[in-house]
Amino acid sequence: MRGVSTPIAEAILVIAAVTATMIVASAILYNASYLGGRIASASAAAARGLSERAVFVYGFVNESDGCHYLFLKNVGEAPIAGVEDATLILGNGSETFLLEYMDYCSQGLGCWSYREIENPNGVWEQRETLEVKACPPLGVEPPYRVVMVLPSGSRLEAGYTG
C-alpha cells in the first residue's frame, strides 16, 4: 500500500504549491495595479499644479477702510477652482497675519475675500483678473508682502509699497 500513498502525497504537495504560487502572484499583481493607479493619480495632480499659475498685477491700501486691494491674474494653462480654499498671508518684515476667507470681509476682521472681475462664475478662468480684498486685524506698515497658496499648492508671492 505504500506505493499508492506516495503519488497521492506528491499530488497534494503539487496542488498546494500551485495554490500558494497563485495566491502570491495575485497579491503581487493587485499591489502593482494599486501602485500604478496611485502613481497615475499623483502625476495628474502634479501636472494640474504645474498648469496653474497666478501673478501679482497691482496692490494698494485703501486708507478709508485699511484693507489691501490686490489684483491677481491667472496666466496658467488651466482654470483655478476653489480659490476660497487658498491660504492668504499678509504682512511686512515684522508683522505677519494669516487671514481667513470670508464671503464679505471688512476692516479689522483679519479676513480676505475676492471678486472675479471679467467673468464671475466661481472659477478663476485663464487670463481672468481677480480682485482680492485683504483686511488684516491691525494696520501694517509698508513695504507689504503677500503670499497666496492655492489649493493645488501653487504659490504666489509678491511685495508692494502702496
C-alpha atoms as a PDB file:
ATOM      1  CA  MET A   1       0.000   0.000   0.000  1.00  0.00           C
ATOM      2  CA  ARG A   2       2.993   2.170   0.412  1.00  0.00           C
ATOM      3  CA  GLY A   3       3.367   2.655  -3.343  1.00  0.00           C
ATOM      4  CA  VAL A   4      -0.104   4.242  -3.696  1.00  0.00           C
ATOM      5  CA  SER A   5       0.268   6.829  -0.895  1.00  0.00           C
ATOM      6  CA  THR A   6       3.451   8.372  -2.317  1.00  0.00           C
ATOM      7  CA  PRO A   7       1.819   9.569  -5.599  1.00  0.00           C
ATOM      8  CA  ILE A   8      -1.179  10.908  -3.604  1.00  0.00           C
ATOM      9  CA  ALA A   9       1.129  12.796  -1.238  1.00  0.00           C
ATOM     10  CA  GLU A  10       3.084  14.220  -4.185  1.00  0.00           C
ATOM     11  CA  ALA A  11      -0.163  15.279  -5.890  1.00  0.00           C
ATOM     12  CA  ILE A  12      -1.314  17.056  -2.723  1.00  0.00           C
ATOM     13  CA  LEU A  13       2.062  18.820  -2.459  1.00  0.00           C
ATOM     14  CA  VAL A  14       1.919  19.893  -6.123  1.00  0.00           C
ATOM     15  CA  ILE A  15      -1.645  21.232  -5.678  1.00  0.00           C
ATOM     16  CA  ALA A  16      -0.581  23.109  -2.511  1.00  0.00           C
ATOM     17  CA  ALA A  17       2.465  24.596  -4.292  1.00  0.00           C
ATOM     18  CA  VAL A  18       0.393  25.729  -7.287  1.00  0.00           C
ATOM     19  CA  THR A  19      -2.239  27.259  -4.973  1.00  0.00           C
ATOM     20  CA  ALA A  20       0.413  29.115  -2.952  1.00  0.00           C
ATOM     21  CA  THR A  21       2.029  30.393  -6.145  1.00  0.00           C
ATOM     22  CA  MET A  22      -1.331  31.673  -7.422  1.00  0.00           C
ATOM     23  CA  ILE A  23      -2.023  33.465  -4.125  1.00  0.00           C
ATOM     24  CA  VAL A  24       1.391  35.173  -4.154  1.00  0.00           C
ATOM     25  CA  ALA A  25       1.026  36.127  -7.842  1.00  0.00           C
ATOM     26  CA  SER A  26      -2.456  37.582  -7.183  1.00  0.00           C
ATOM     27  CA  ALA A  27      -1.142  39.677  -4.298  1.00  0.00           C
ATOM     28  CA  ILE A  28       1.770  40.968  -6.390  1.00  0.00           C
ATOM     29  CA  LEU A  29      -0.480  41.852  -9.341  1.00  0.00           C
ATOM     30  CA  TYR A  30      -3.008  43.599  -7.073  1.00  0.00           C
ATOM     31  CA  ASN A  31      -0.297  45.683  -5.384  1.00  0.00           C
ATOM     32  CA  ALA A  32       1.318  46.541  -8.725  1.00  0.00           C
ATOM     33  CA  SER A  33      -2.050  47.675 -10.087  1.00  0.00           C
ATOM     34  CA  TYR A  34      -2.792  49.715  -6.953  1.00  0.00           C
ATOM     35  CA  LEU A  35       0.641  51.341  -7.051  1.00  0.00           C
ATOM     36  CA  GLY A  36       0.247  52.140 -10.756  1.00  0.00           C
ATOM     37  CA  GLY A  37      -3.077  53.847 -10.065  1.00  0.00           C
ATOM     38  CA  ARG A  38      -1.570  55.904  -7.247  1.00  0.00           C
ATOM     39  CA  ILE A  39       1.350  56.974  -9.442  1.00  0.00           C
ATOM     40  CA  ALA A  40      -1.023  57.985 -12.253  1.00  0.00           C
ATOM     41  CA  SER A  41      -3.154  59.978  -9.808  1.00  0.00           C
ATOM     42  CA  ALA A  42      -0.111  61.733  -8.345  1.00  0.00           C
ATOM     43  CA  SER A  43       1.190  62.533 -11.833  1.00  0.00           C
ATOM     44  CA  ALA A  44      -2.148  64.048 -12.853  1.00  0.00           C
ATOM     45  CA  ALA A  45      -2.247  66.179  -9.681  1.00  0.00           C
ATOM     46  CA  ALA A  46       1.317  67.358 -10.267  1.00  0.00           C
ATOM     47  CA  ALA A  47       0.559  68.255 -13.889  1.00  0.00           C
ATOM     48  CA  ARG A  48      -2.559  70.143 -12.789  1.00  0.00           C
ATOM     49  CA  GLY A  49      -0.493  72.041 -10.206  1.00  0.00           C
ATOM     50  CA  LEU A  50       2.129  72.908 -12.788  1.00  0.00           C
ATOM     51  CA  SER A  51      -0.500  74.227 -15.190  1.00  0.00           C
ATOM     52  CA  GLU A  52      -1.857  76.629 -12.515  1.00  0.00           C
ATOM     53  CA  ARG A  53      -0.003  79.915 -12.364  1.00  0.00           C
ATOM     54  CA  ALA A  54      -1.119  83.244 -10.955  1.00  0.00           C
ATOM     55  CA  VAL A  55       0.772  86.532 -10.956  1.00  0.00           C
ATOM     56  CA  PHE A  56       0.523  89.694  -8.896  1.00  0.00           C
ATOM     57  CA  VAL A  57      -0.515  92.683 -11.025  1.00  0.00           C
ATOM     58  CA  TYR A  58      -1.069  95.559  -8.598  1.00  0.00           C
ATOM     59  CA  GLY A  59      -1.802  96.256  -4.950  1.00  0.00           C
ATOM     60  CA  PHE A  60      -2.758  99.235  -2.802  1.00  0.00           C
ATOM     61  CA  VAL A  61      -4.122 100.056   0.638  1.00  0.00           C
ATOM     62  CA  ASN A  62      -7.430 101.893   0.863  1.00  0.00           C
ATOM     63  CA  GLU A  63      -6.843 104.481   3.586  1.00  0.00           C
ATOM     64  CA  SER A  64     -10.559 104.737   4.424  1.00  0.00           C
ATOM     65  CA  ASP A  65     -11.027 101.075   5.436  1.00  0.00           C
ATOM     66  CA  GLY A  66      -7.405  99.942   5.976  1.00  0.00           C
ATOM     67  CA  CYS A  67      -7.894  96.987   3.642  1.00  0.00           C
ATOM     68  CA  HIS A  68      -5.436  95.925   0.961  1.00  0.00           C
ATOM     69  CA  TYR A  69      -6.742  95.509  -2.570  1.00  0.00           C
ATOM     70  CA  LEU A  70      -4.702  93.099  -4.670  1.00  0.00           C
ATOM     71  CA  PHE A  71      -5.167  92.377  -8.349  1.00  0.00           C
ATOM     72  CA  LEU A  72      -4.046  88.916  -9.444  1.00  0.00           C
ATOM     73  CA  LYS A  73      -4.160  87.334 -12.890  1.00  0.00           C
ATOM     74  CA  ASN A  74      -4.421  83.677 -13.869  1.00  0.00           C
ATOM     75  CA  VAL A  75      -1.698  83.259 -16.501  1.00  0.00           C
ATOM     76  CA  GLY A  76      -1.613  79.470 -16.274  1.00  0.00           C
ATOM     77  CA  GLU A  77      -2.851  76.879 -18.711  1.00  0.00           C
ATOM     78  CA  ALA A  78      -5.886  75.872 -16.643  1.00  0.00           C
ATOM     79  CA  PRO A  79      -8.774  77.453 -14.767  1.00  0.00           C
ATOM     80  CA  ILE A  80      -8.434  77.518 -10.987  1.00  0.00           C
ATOM     81  CA  ALA A  81     -11.338  76.325  -8.858  1.00  0.00           C
ATOM     82  CA  GLY A  82     -11.712  76.581  -5.099  1.00  0.00           C
ATOM     83  CA  VAL A  83      -9.995  79.954  -4.695  1.00  0.00           C
ATOM     84  CA  GLU A  84     -11.766  80.358  -1.337  1.00  0.00           C
ATOM     85  CA  ASP A  85      -9.733  77.370  -0.068  1.00  0.00           C
ATOM     86  CA  ALA A  86      -6.456  79.186  -0.722  1.00  0.00           C
ATOM     87  CA  THR A  87      -4.191  80.368   2.085  1.00  0.00           C
ATOM     88  CA  LEU A  88      -3.508  84.109   2.227  1.00  0.00           C
ATOM     89  CA  ILE A  89      -0.770  85.660   4.362  1.00  0.00           C
ATOM     90  CA  LEU A  90      -0.221  89.412   4.526  1.00  0.00           C
ATOM     91  CA  GLY A  91       2.432  91.357   6.383  1.00  0.00           C
ATOM     92  CA  ASN A  92       5.812  93.032   6.302  1.00  0.00           C
ATOM     93  CA  GLY A  93       9.192  92.238   7.800  1.00  0.00           C
ATOM     94  CA  SER A  94       7.972  92.457  11.411  1.00  0.00           C
ATOM     95  CA  GLU A  95       4.254  91.572  11.374  1.00  0.00           C
ATOM     96  CA  THR A  96       2.528  88.753   9.538  1.00  0.00           C
ATOM     97  CA  PHE A  97      -1.141  87.764   9.506  1.00  0.00           C
ATOM     98  CA  LEU A  98      -2.740  84.549   8.314  1.00  0.00           C
ATOM     99  CA  LEU A  99      -6.096  85.756   7.022  1.00  0.00           C
ATOM    100  CA  GLU A 100      -9.282  83.689   6.991  1.00  0.00           C
ATOM    101  CA  TYR A 101     -11.518  83.590   3.926  1.00  0.00           C
ATOM    102  CA  MET A 102     -14.974  85.183   4.347  1.00  0.00           C
ATOM    103  CA  ASP A 103     -17.530  85.920   1.660  1.00  0.00           C
ATOM    104  CA  TYR A 104     -17.818  89.511   2.891  1.00  0.00           C
ATOM    105  CA  CYS A 105     -14.688  90.821   4.521  1.00  0.00           C
ATOM    106  CA  SER A 106     -14.352  94.204   6.171  1.00  0.00           C
ATOM    107  CA  GLN A 107     -11.945  96.344   8.165  1.00  0.00           C
ATOM    108  CA  GLY A 108     -10.122  94.797  11.110  1.00  0.00           C
ATOM    109  CA  LEU A 109     -11.606  91.282  10.849  1.00  0.00           C
ATOM    110  CA  GLY A 110      -8.401  89.515   9.794  1.00  0.00           C
ATOM    111  CA  CYS A 111     -10.022  88.109   6.681  1.00  0.00           C
ATOM    112  CA  TRP A 112      -9.957  88.175   2.919  1.00  0.00           C
ATOM    113  CA  SER A 113     -12.483  87.889   0.108  1.00  0.00           C
ATOM    114  CA  TYR A 114     -12.296  88.019  -3.658  1.00  0.00           C
ATOM    115  CA  ARG A 115     -14.290  89.016  -6.683  1.00  0.00           C
ATOM    116  CA  GLU A 116     -13.903  87.892 -10.268  1.00  0.00           C
ATOM    117  CA  ILE A 117     -13.732  90.939 -12.494  1.00  0.00           C
ATOM    118  CA  GLU A 118     -14.263  89.657 -16.048  1.00  0.00           C
ATOM    119  CA  ASN A 119     -16.431  86.545 -15.715  1.00  0.00           C
ATOM    120  CA  PRO A 120     -17.965  85.999 -12.254  1.00  0.00           C
ATOM    121  CA  ASN A 121     -18.779  82.277 -12.443  1.00  0.00           C
ATOM    122  CA  GLY A 122     -16.996  80.810  -9.398  1.00  0.00           C
ATOM    123  CA  VAL A 123     -13.972  79.628 -11.386  1.00  0.00           C
ATOM    124  CA  TRP A 124     -10.843  81.698 -11.916  1.00  0.00           C
ATOM    125  CA  GLU A 125     -10.557  81.315 -15.677  1.00  0.00           C
ATOM    126  CA  GLN A 126      -7.399  81.627 -17.757  1.00  0.00           C
ATOM    127  CA  ARG A 127      -6.405  85.274 -18.332  1.00  0.00           C
ATOM    128  CA  GLU A 128      -9.019  86.427 -15.798  1.00  0.00           C
ATOM    129  CA  THR A 129      -8.189  89.064 -13.183  1.00  0.00           C
ATOM    130  CA  LEU A 130      -9.175  88.604  -9.564  1.00  0.00           C
ATOM    131  CA  GLU A 131      -9.596  91.423  -7.056  1.00  0.00           C
ATOM    132  CA  VAL A 132      -8.624  90.245  -3.570  1.00  0.00           C
ATOM    133  CA  LYS A 133      -9.669  92.336  -0.581  1.00  0.00           C
ATOM    134  CA  ALA A 134      -7.423  91.561   2.408  1.00  0.00           C
ATOM    135  CA  CYS A 135      -8.260  93.177   5.748  1.00  0.00           C
ATOM    136  CA  PRO A 136      -5.647  92.483   8.435  1.00  0.00           C
ATOM    137  CA  PRO A 137      -6.759  92.738  12.078  1.00  0.00           C
ATOM    138  CA  LEU A 138      -4.198  95.504  12.683  1.00  0.00           C
ATOM    139  CA  GLY A 139      -2.589  98.105  10.475  1.00  0.00           C
ATOM    140  CA  VAL A 140       0.526  97.008   8.621  1.00  0.00           C
ATOM    141  CA  GLU A 141       3.282  99.408   7.601  1.00  0.00           C
ATOM    142  CA  PRO A 142       4.953  99.190   4.180  1.00  0.00           C
ATOM    143  CA  PRO A 143       6.695  97.534   2.470  1.00  0.00           C
ATOM    144  CA  TYR A 144       3.928  94.947   2.225  1.00  0.00           C
ATOM    145  CA  ARG A 145       4.368  91.278   1.423  1.00  0.00           C
ATOM    146  CA  VAL A 146       1.591  88.911   0.343  1.00  0.00           C
ATOM    147  CA  VAL A 147       1.739  85.149  -0.096  1.00  0.00           C
ATOM    148  CA  MET A 148      -1.122  83.143  -1.574  1.00  0.00           C
ATOM    149  CA  VAL A 149      -1.023  79.358  -1.769  1.00  0.00           C
ATOM    150  CA  LEU A 150      -3.705  77.853  -3.994  1.00  0.00           C
ATOM    151  CA  PRO A 151      -5.404  74.551  -3.084  1.00  0.00           C
ATOM    152  CA  SER A 152      -3.173  72.740  -5.606  1.00  0.00           C
ATOM    153  CA  GLY A 153      -0.053  74.013  -3.821  1.00  0.00           C
ATOM    154  CA  SER A 154       0.835  76.652  -6.421  1.00  0.00           C
ATOM    155  CA  ARG A 155       2.351  79.642  -4.674  1.00  0.00           C
ATOM    156  CA  LEU A 156       2.196  83.354  -5.465  1.00  0.00           C
ATOM    157  CA  GLU A 157       4.418  85.743  -3.548  1.00  0.00           C
ATOM    158  CA  ALA A 158       4.772  89.480  -4.128  1.00  0.00           C
ATOM    159  CA  GLY A 159       5.824  92.705  -2.486  1.00  0.00           C
ATOM    160  CA  TYR A 160       4.351  96.165  -2.902  1.00  0.00           C
ATOM    161  CA  THR A 161       4.510  99.541  -1.184  1.00  0.00           C
ATOM    162  CA  GLY A 162       1.157 101.154  -1.507  1.00  0.00           C
END
